[in-house]
Amino acid sequence: MREANNQERERFKREYCCSREARKSMLEAGFEITIEAHEALLPGKKVDSYAFGQRTIKDEFIIFRVVDRKKGVCYFPVFGITEGRELAKSAGIAVPRLLRLFNDGNGGGGNGGGGGGEGRRQDNYQMLLLILFARQLMTYHVQSPKPMFGPLKRIYENLLSHPNYGVATSEVWEINDAIARFIKGETNQRNEKFRNIQDFIIHLRERYENLNFRNADFGLLREKLKKKYPSEESYF
């Protein structure tokens, strides 16, 4: 199954996303529809919506995975909460809990990482938060977000489903490597040039001083990395 190319994606937007009736026609076309993400946006941050032409989304968004098995193509449409919930209801699927790394000052706490640390191993919880901060970093300058892929998605989903699972040192290395690749990559180097996740978290707390971000203590993960890979630089 391959991801749609730009031409296929634009056609999909026109045919299946521009109106409520168009979105319902996804079901009539026999597409498989699931939800990949339900995430909060930082204040002032906007992302592109698949609905209504060039409309943008603020506050929170939902990413779907729509599979056309006849063509062997999958799409990842992004909708605001209203359109997203309507589509989810039509498809008979539940909208997952909102992933948010901050308290908005109005009693709205984040529930990234499973809602707290209660009933969850500490290394498990620290890794969930690390992945979510990495996700926030990697989408910080992105207008058209896609779901988590690769080790971030695989490790995150496993940890979320198994609160007593102990994080393997190899998994810490994988996430550290994914962060390192982004830190050294073009997007980061042409913008803030963060040196690591802690740099990014400091930036967030300074820029959004009215938000209460989750405690970013990754000490257990650093210990694991240092013990097995003593020469490896930590990017968190």
C-alpha atoms as a PDB file:
ATOM      1  CA  MET A   1       0.000   0.000   0.000  1.00  0.00           C
ATOM      2  CA  ARG A   2       1.560   3.285  -1.087  1.00  0.00           C
ATOM      3  CA  GLU A   3       0.834   6.849  -0.030  1.00  0.00           C
ATOM      4  CA  ALA A   4      -0.933   9.005  -2.607  1.00  0.00           C
ATOM      5  CA  ASN A   5       1.198  11.351  -4.682  1.00  0.00           C
ATOM      6  CA  ASN A   6       0.469  15.081  -4.943  1.00  0.00           C
ATOM      7  CA  GLN A   7      -1.798  14.761  -7.984  1.00  0.00           C
ATOM      8  CA  GLU A   8      -3.820  11.946  -6.411  1.00  0.00           C
ATOM      9  CA  ARG A   9      -4.038  13.840  -3.131  1.00  0.00           C
ATOM     10  CA  GLU A  10      -5.410  17.007  -4.768  1.00  0.00           C
ATOM     11  CA  ARG A  11      -7.991  14.981  -6.681  1.00  0.00           C
ATOM     12  CA  PHE A  12      -9.002  13.227  -3.467  1.00  0.00           C
ATOM     13  CA  LYS A  13      -9.480  16.613  -1.739  1.00  0.00           C
ATOM     14  CA  ARG A  14     -11.744  17.854  -4.528  1.00  0.00           C
ATOM     15  CA  GLU A  15     -13.819  14.684  -4.797  1.00  0.00           C
ATOM     16  CA  TYR A  16     -14.120  13.547  -1.180  1.00  0.00           C
ATOM     17  CA  CYS A  17     -13.288  16.387   1.216  1.00  0.00           C
ATOM     18  CA  CYS A  18     -14.700  19.736   0.094  1.00  0.00           C
ATOM     19  CA  SER A  19     -18.183  19.329   1.632  1.00  0.00           C
ATOM     20  CA  ARG A  20     -20.167  17.224   4.085  1.00  0.00           C
ATOM     21  CA  GLU A  21     -21.748  15.297   1.208  1.00  0.00           C
ATOM     22  CA  ALA A  22     -18.350  14.705  -0.377  1.00  0.00           C
ATOM     23  CA  ARG A  23     -16.936  13.349   2.876  1.00  0.00           C
ATOM     24  CA  LYS A  24     -19.875  10.960   3.255  1.00  0.00           C
ATOM     25  CA  SER A  25     -19.174   9.681  -0.242  1.00  0.00           C
ATOM     26  CA  MET A  26     -15.920   8.171   1.079  1.00  0.00           C
ATOM     27  CA  LEU A  27     -18.068   5.504   2.715  1.00  0.00           C
ATOM     28  CA  GLU A  28     -20.109   4.948  -0.430  1.00  0.00           C
ATOM     29  CA  ALA A  29     -16.868   4.457  -2.345  1.00  0.00           C
ATOM     30  CA  GLY A  30     -15.975   1.593  -0.024  1.00  0.00           C
ATOM     31  CA  PHE A  31     -12.841   3.179   1.405  1.00  0.00           C
ATOM     32  CA  GLU A  32     -11.424   1.880   4.702  1.00  0.00           C
ATOM     33  CA  ILE A  33     -11.379   4.744   7.202  1.00  0.00           C
ATOM     34  CA  THR A  34      -9.483   4.850  10.493  1.00  0.00           C
ATOM     35  CA  ILE A  35      -8.117   7.636  12.700  1.00  0.00           C
ATOM     36  CA  GLU A  36      -4.382   8.081  13.029  1.00  0.00           C
ATOM     37  CA  ALA A  37      -4.184  11.087  15.367  1.00  0.00           C
ATOM     38  CA  HIS A  38      -6.171  13.598  17.405  1.00  0.00           C
ATOM     39  CA  GLU A  39      -3.793  16.338  18.476  1.00  0.00           C
ATOM     40  CA  ALA A  40      -3.869  19.789  20.050  1.00  0.00           C
ATOM     41  CA  LEU A  41      -2.204  22.760  18.402  1.00  0.00           C
ATOM     42  CA  LEU A  42      -0.173  25.358  20.234  1.00  0.00           C
ATOM     43  CA  PRO A  43      -1.852  28.786  20.544  1.00  0.00           C
ATOM     44  CA  GLY A  44      -1.570  30.667  17.249  1.00  0.00           C
ATOM     45  CA  LYS A  45      -0.502  27.565  15.338  1.00  0.00           C
ATOM     46  CA  LYS A  46      -2.563  26.640  12.277  1.00  0.00           C
ATOM     47  CA  VAL A  47      -2.495  23.718   9.887  1.00  0.00           C
ATOM     48  CA  ASP A  48      -4.111  23.179   6.501  1.00  0.00           C
ATOM     49  CA  SER A  49      -7.492  21.494   6.328  1.00  0.00           C
ATOM     50  CA  TYR A  50      -8.603  19.142   3.571  1.00  0.00           C
ATOM     51  CA  ALA A  51     -12.052  20.737   3.828  1.00  0.00           C
ATOM     52  CA  PHE A  52     -13.290  23.922   2.168  1.00  0.00           C
ATOM     53  CA  GLY A  53     -10.352  24.638  -0.106  1.00  0.00           C
ATOM     54  CA  GLN A  54      -7.636  26.629   1.647  1.00  0.00           C
ATOM     55  CA  ARG A  55      -9.260  26.809   5.107  1.00  0.00           C
ATOM     56  CA  THR A  56      -6.896  26.394   8.057  1.00  0.00           C
ATOM     57  CA  ILE A  57      -7.389  24.685  11.414  1.00  0.00           C
ATOM     58  CA  LYS A  58      -6.580  25.983  14.878  1.00  0.00           C
ATOM     59  CA  ASP A  59      -6.858  24.468  18.381  1.00  0.00           C
ATOM     60  CA  GLU A  60      -6.985  20.763  17.429  1.00  0.00           C
ATOM     61  CA  PHE A  61      -7.080  18.469  14.421  1.00  0.00           C
ATOM     62  CA  ILE A  62      -7.814  14.884  13.458  1.00  0.00           C
ATOM     63  CA  ILE A  63      -5.785  12.908  10.907  1.00  0.00           C
ATOM     64  CA  PHE A  64      -7.543  10.027   9.171  1.00  0.00           C
ATOM     65  CA  ARG A  65      -6.131   7.138   7.200  1.00  0.00           C
ATOM     66  CA  VAL A  66      -8.279   6.454   4.147  1.00  0.00           C
ATOM     67  CA  VAL A  67      -7.414   3.364   2.125  1.00  0.00           C
ATOM     68  CA  ASP A  68      -8.525   2.762  -1.458  1.00  0.00           C
ATOM     69  CA  ARG A  69      -7.731  -0.928  -1.888  1.00  0.00           C
ATOM     70  CA  LYS A  70      -8.765  -0.971  -5.539  1.00  0.00           C
ATOM     71  CA  LYS A  71      -5.967   1.472  -6.375  1.00  0.00           C
ATOM     72  CA  GLY A  72      -3.618   0.363  -3.623  1.00  0.00           C
ATOM     73  CA  VAL A  73      -3.394   3.944  -2.337  1.00  0.00           C
ATOM     74  CA  CYS A  74      -3.822   5.507   1.096  1.00  0.00           C
ATOM     75  CA  TYR A  75      -4.524   9.128   1.993  1.00  0.00           C
ATOM     76  CA  PHE A  76      -4.067  11.027   5.258  1.00  0.00           C
ATOM     77  CA  PRO A  77      -6.721  13.778   5.247  1.00  0.00           C
ATOM     78  CA  VAL A  78      -6.603  16.380   8.018  1.00  0.00           C
ATOM     79  CA  PHE A  79      -9.791  17.943   9.390  1.00  0.00           C
ATOM     80  CA  GLY A  80     -10.790  20.280  12.177  1.00  0.00           C
ATOM     81  CA  ILE A  81     -12.720  18.881  15.118  1.00  0.00           C
ATOM     82  CA  THR A  82     -16.212  19.550  13.691  1.00  0.00           C
ATOM     83  CA  GLU A  83     -15.627  17.935  10.290  1.00  0.00           C
ATOM     84  CA  GLY A  84     -13.497  15.225  11.866  1.00  0.00           C
ATOM     85  CA  ARG A  85     -16.123  14.169  14.392  1.00  0.00           C
ATOM     86  CA  GLU A  86     -18.816  14.161  11.695  1.00  0.00           C
ATOM     87  CA  LEU A  87     -16.753  11.865   9.496  1.00  0.00           C
ATOM     88  CA  ALA A  88     -15.865   9.602  12.423  1.00  0.00           C
ATOM     89  CA  LYS A  89     -19.547   9.314  13.374  1.00  0.00           C
ATOM     90  CA  SER A  90     -20.525   8.473   9.804  1.00  0.00           C
ATOM     91  CA  ALA A  91     -17.807   5.821   9.658  1.00  0.00           C
ATOM     92  CA  GLY A  92     -18.797   4.401  13.050  1.00  0.00           C
ATOM     93  CA  ILE A  93     -15.378   4.917  14.619  1.00  0.00           C
ATOM     94  CA  ALA A  94     -14.464   6.521  17.935  1.00  0.00           C
ATOM     95  CA  VAL A  95     -12.343   9.660  18.121  1.00  0.00           C
ATOM     96  CA  PRO A  96      -9.341   8.936  20.369  1.00  0.00           C
ATOM     97  CA  ARG A  97      -8.407  11.114  23.318  1.00  0.00           C
ATOM     98  CA  LEU A  98      -6.791  14.439  22.548  1.00  0.00           C
ATOM     99  CA  LEU A  99      -2.999  14.416  22.723  1.00  0.00           C
ATOM    100  CA  ARG A 100      -1.870  17.602  24.418  1.00  0.00           C
ATOM    101  CA  LEU A 101       1.360  18.369  26.260  1.00  0.00           C
ATOM    102  CA  PHE A 102       0.146  21.434  28.099  1.00  0.00           C
ATOM    103  CA  ASN A 103      -2.513  22.877  30.379  1.00  0.00           C
ATOM    104  CA  ASP A 104      -4.240  25.789  28.681  1.00  0.00           C
ATOM    105  CA  GLY A 105      -4.764  27.750  31.911  1.00  0.00           C
ATOM    106  CA  ASN A 106      -8.514  27.088  31.883  1.00  0.00           C
ATOM    107  CA  GLY A 107      -8.463  23.728  33.577  1.00  0.00           C
ATOM    108  CA  GLY A 108      -7.781  21.875  30.345  1.00  0.00           C
ATOM    109  CA  GLY A 109      -4.949  19.535  31.176  1.00  0.00           C
ATOM    110  CA  GLY A 110      -3.053  17.536  28.603  1.00  0.00           C
ATOM    111  CA  ASN A 111      -3.378  13.791  28.366  1.00  0.00           C
ATOM    112  CA  GLY A 112      -0.445  12.929  26.189  1.00  0.00           C
ATOM    113  CA  GLY A 113       1.268   9.842  27.488  1.00  0.00           C
ATOM    114  CA  GLY A 114      -1.893   8.229  28.778  1.00  0.00           C
ATOM    115  CA  GLY A 115      -3.282  10.937  31.004  1.00  0.00           C
ATOM    116  CA  GLY A 116      -0.769  11.112  33.821  1.00  0.00           C
ATOM    117  CA  GLY A 117       1.807   8.667  35.118  1.00  0.00           C
ATOM    118  CA  GLU A 118      -0.602   6.827  37.392  1.00  0.00           C
ATOM    119  CA  GLY A 119      -0.490   3.051  37.043  1.00  0.00           C
ATOM    120  CA  ARG A 120       2.296   3.264  34.480  1.00  0.00           C
ATOM    121  CA  ARG A 121       5.995   2.414  34.776  1.00  0.00           C
ATOM    122  CA  GLN A 122       8.093   5.555  35.022  1.00  0.00           C
ATOM    123  CA  ASP A 123      10.394   4.694  32.117  1.00  0.00           C
ATOM    124  CA  ASN A 124       7.277   3.885  30.070  1.00  0.00           C
ATOM    125  CA  TYR A 125       5.720   7.248  30.917  1.00  0.00           C
ATOM    126  CA  GLN A 126       8.949   9.167  30.275  1.00  0.00           C
ATOM    127  CA  MET A 127       9.275   7.576  26.847  1.00  0.00           C
ATOM    128  CA  LEU A 128       5.677   8.410  25.928  1.00  0.00           C
ATOM    129  CA  LEU A 129       6.292  12.051  26.807  1.00  0.00           C
ATOM    130  CA  LEU A 130       9.629  12.110  24.998  1.00  0.00           C
ATOM    131  CA  ILE A 131       7.980  10.820  21.824  1.00  0.00           C
ATOM    132  CA  LEU A 132       5.214  13.422  22.103  1.00  0.00           C
ATOM    133  CA  PHE A 133       7.695  16.256  22.601  1.00  0.00           C
ATOM    134  CA  ALA A 134       9.641  14.912  19.608  1.00  0.00           C
ATOM    135  CA  ARG A 135       6.412  14.843  17.608  1.00  0.00           C
ATOM    136  CA  GLN A 136       5.706  18.456  18.610  1.00  0.00           C
ATOM    137  CA  LEU A 137       9.207  19.457  17.549  1.00  0.00           C
ATOM    138  CA  MET A 138       8.955  17.716  14.194  1.00  0.00           C
ATOM    139  CA  THR A 139       5.605  19.357  13.365  1.00  0.00           C
ATOM    140  CA  TYR A 140       6.429  22.796  14.796  1.00  0.00           C
ATOM    141  CA  HIS A 141       6.886  24.371  11.347  1.00  0.00           C
ATOM    142  CA  VAL A 142       4.644  21.977   9.412  1.00  0.00           C
ATOM    143  CA  GLN A 143       1.466  23.252   7.741  1.00  0.00           C
ATOM    144  CA  SER A 144       0.281  19.867   6.472  1.00  0.00           C
ATOM    145  CA  PRO A 145       0.882  17.308   9.253  1.00  0.00           C
ATOM    146  CA  LYS A 146       1.057  13.588   8.684  1.00  0.00           C
ATOM    147  CA  PRO A 147       0.760  10.808  11.272  1.00  0.00           C
ATOM    148  CA  MET A 148       3.708   9.533  13.260  1.00  0.00           C
ATOM    149  CA  PHE A 149       5.709   6.980  11.313  1.00  0.00           C
ATOM    150  CA  GLY A 150       8.567   4.592  11.950  1.00  0.00           C
ATOM    151  CA  PRO A 151       9.919   3.978  15.454  1.00  0.00           C
ATOM    152  CA  LEU A 152       7.989   6.877  16.985  1.00  0.00           C
ATOM    153  CA  LYS A 153       4.645   5.344  16.009  1.00  0.00           C
ATOM    154  CA  ARG A 154       5.636   1.733  16.707  1.00  0.00           C
ATOM    155  CA  ILE A 155       7.130   2.376  20.148  1.00  0.00           C
ATOM    156  CA  TYR A 156       4.474   4.906  21.184  1.00  0.00           C
ATOM    157  CA  GLU A 157       1.558   2.600  20.378  1.00  0.00           C
ATOM    158  CA  ASN A 158       3.186  -0.348  22.148  1.00  0.00           C
ATOM    159  CA  LEU A 159       3.883   1.689  25.292  1.00  0.00           C
ATOM    160  CA  LEU A 160       0.408   3.223  25.336  1.00  0.00           C
ATOM    161  CA  SER A 161      -1.201  -0.217  25.159  1.00  0.00           C
ATOM    162  CA  HIS A 162       1.109  -1.797  27.766  1.00  0.00           C
ATOM    163  CA  PRO A 163       1.560   0.471  30.820  1.00  0.00           C
ATOM    164  CA  ASN A 164       3.794  -2.059  32.590  1.00  0.00           C
ATOM    165  CA  TYR A 165       6.114  -2.540  29.630  1.00  0.00           C
ATOM    166  CA  GLY A 166       9.731  -1.703  30.432  1.00  0.00           C
ATOM    167  CA  VAL A 167      11.438   0.428  27.766  1.00  0.00           C
ATOM    168  CA  ALA A 168      14.268  -1.418  26.017  1.00  0.00           C
ATOM    169  CA  THR A 169      17.573   0.408  25.701  1.00  0.00           C
ATOM    170  CA  SER A 170      17.498  -0.244  21.968  1.00  0.00           C
ATOM    171  CA  GLU A 171      14.199   1.666  21.814  1.00  0.00           C
ATOM    172  CA  VAL A 172      15.759   4.626  23.633  1.00  0.00           C
ATOM    173  CA  TRP A 173      18.533   4.567  21.037  1.00  0.00           C
ATOM    174  CA  GLU A 174      16.004   4.477  18.171  1.00  0.00           C
ATOM    175  CA  ILE A 175      14.115   7.511  19.464  1.00  0.00           C
ATOM    176  CA  ASN A 176      17.335   9.384  20.205  1.00  0.00           C
ATOM    177  CA  ASP A 177      18.514   8.649  16.666  1.00  0.00           C
ATOM    178  CA  ALA A 178      15.213   9.875  15.163  1.00  0.00           C
ATOM    179  CA  ILE A 179      15.485  13.113  17.155  1.00  0.00           C
ATOM    180  CA  ALA A 180      19.136  13.527  16.155  1.00  0.00           C
ATOM    181  CA  ARG A 181      18.258  13.175  12.473  1.00  0.00           C
ATOM    182  CA  PHE A 182      15.650  15.914  12.768  1.00  0.00           C
ATOM    183  CA  ILE A 183      17.933  18.193  14.819  1.00  0.00           C
ATOM    184  CA  LYS A 184      20.596  17.935  12.109  1.00  0.00           C
ATOM    185  CA  GLY A 185      18.087  18.208   9.280  1.00  0.00           C
ATOM    186  CA  GLU A 186      17.119  21.090   7.006  1.00  0.00           C
ATOM    187  CA  THR A 187      13.910  22.183   8.775  1.00  0.00           C
ATOM    188  CA  ASN A 188      15.570  22.696  12.145  1.00  0.00           C
ATOM    189  CA  GLN A 189      18.758  24.182  10.709  1.00  0.00           C
ATOM    190  CA  ARG A 190      16.921  26.883   8.761  1.00  0.00           C
ATOM    191  CA  ASN A 191      14.738  27.842  11.742  1.00  0.00           C
ATOM    192  CA  GLU A 192      15.588  27.860  15.471  1.00  0.00           C
ATOM    193  CA  LYS A 193      18.511  25.388  15.257  1.00  0.00           C
ATOM    194  CA  PHE A 194      17.562  23.586  18.446  1.00  0.00           C
ATOM    195  CA  ARG A 195      20.391  21.455  19.795  1.00  0.00           C
ATOM    196  CA  ASN A 196      18.144  18.929  21.531  1.00  0.00           C
ATOM    197  CA  ILE A 197      14.663  18.372  22.955  1.00  0.00           C
ATOM    198  CA  GLN A 198      15.498  20.336  26.106  1.00  0.00           C
ATOM    199  CA  ASP A 199      16.325  23.373  23.957  1.00  0.00           C
ATOM    200  CA  PHE A 200      12.919  23.041  22.343  1.00  0.00           C
ATOM    201  CA  ILE A 201      11.111  22.693  25.683  1.00  0.00           C
ATOM    202  CA  ILE A 202      12.833  25.822  27.043  1.00  0.00           C
ATOM    203  CA  HIS A 203      11.768  27.653  23.878  1.00  0.00           C
ATOM    204  CA  LEU A 204       8.146  26.524  24.340  1.00  0.00           C
ATOM    205  CA  ARG A 205       8.034  27.595  27.980  1.00  0.00           C
ATOM    206  CA  GLU A 206       9.470  31.006  27.158  1.00  0.00           C
ATOM    207  CA  ARG A 207       7.229  31.607  24.154  1.00  0.00           C
ATOM    208  CA  TYR A 208       4.051  30.260  25.769  1.00  0.00           C
ATOM    209  CA  GLU A 209       4.547  31.405  29.337  1.00  0.00           C
ATOM    210  CA  ASN A 210       0.835  31.080  30.145  1.00  0.00           C
ATOM    211  CA  LEU A 211       0.846  27.363  29.354  1.00  0.00           C
ATOM    212  CA  ASN A 212       1.833  24.708  31.838  1.00  0.00           C
ATOM    213  CA  PHE A 213       3.807  22.095  29.918  1.00  0.00           C
ATOM    214  CA  ARG A 214       4.179  18.595  31.262  1.00  0.00           C
ATOM    215  CA  ASN A 215       7.192  17.748  33.382  1.00  0.00           C
ATOM    216  CA  ALA A 216       9.942  16.749  30.967  1.00  0.00           C
ATOM    217  CA  ASP A 217      12.075  14.502  33.161  1.00  0.00           C
ATOM    218  CA  PHE A 218      13.791  11.909  30.984  1.00  0.00           C
ATOM    219  CA  GLY A 219      16.392  10.856  33.545  1.00  0.00           C
ATOM    220  CA  LEU A 220      15.673   7.128  33.447  1.00  0.00           C
ATOM    221  CA  LEU A 221      15.968   7.099  29.665  1.00  0.00           C
ATOM    222  CA  ARG A 222      19.282   8.970  29.725  1.00  0.00           C
ATOM    223  CA  GLU A 223      20.624   6.438  32.236  1.00  0.00           C
ATOM    224  CA  LYS A 224      19.670   3.568  29.961  1.00  0.00           C
ATOM    225  CA  LEU A 225      21.288   5.217  26.942  1.00  0.00           C
ATOM    226  CA  LYS A 226      24.495   6.121  28.777  1.00  0.00           C
ATOM    227  CA  LYS A 227      24.900   2.676  30.308  1.00  0.00           C
ATOM    228  CA  LYS A 228      24.760   0.735  27.040  1.00  0.00           C
ATOM    229  CA  TYR A 229      25.925   3.442  24.622  1.00  0.00           C
ATOM    230  CA  PRO A 230      28.394   5.547  26.675  1.00  0.00           C
ATOM    231  CA  SER A 231      29.771   7.385  23.646  1.00  0.00           C
ATOM    232  CA  GLU A 232      26.338   8.213  22.217  1.00  0.00           C
ATOM    233  CA  GLU A 233      25.235  11.846  22.476  1.00  0.00           C
ATOM    234  CA  SER A 234      21.812  12.339  24.024  1.00  0.00           C
ATOM    235  CA  TYR A 235      19.466  14.621  22.101  1.00  0.00           C
ATOM    236  CA  PHE A 236      16.920  14.772  24.908  1.00  0.00           C
END
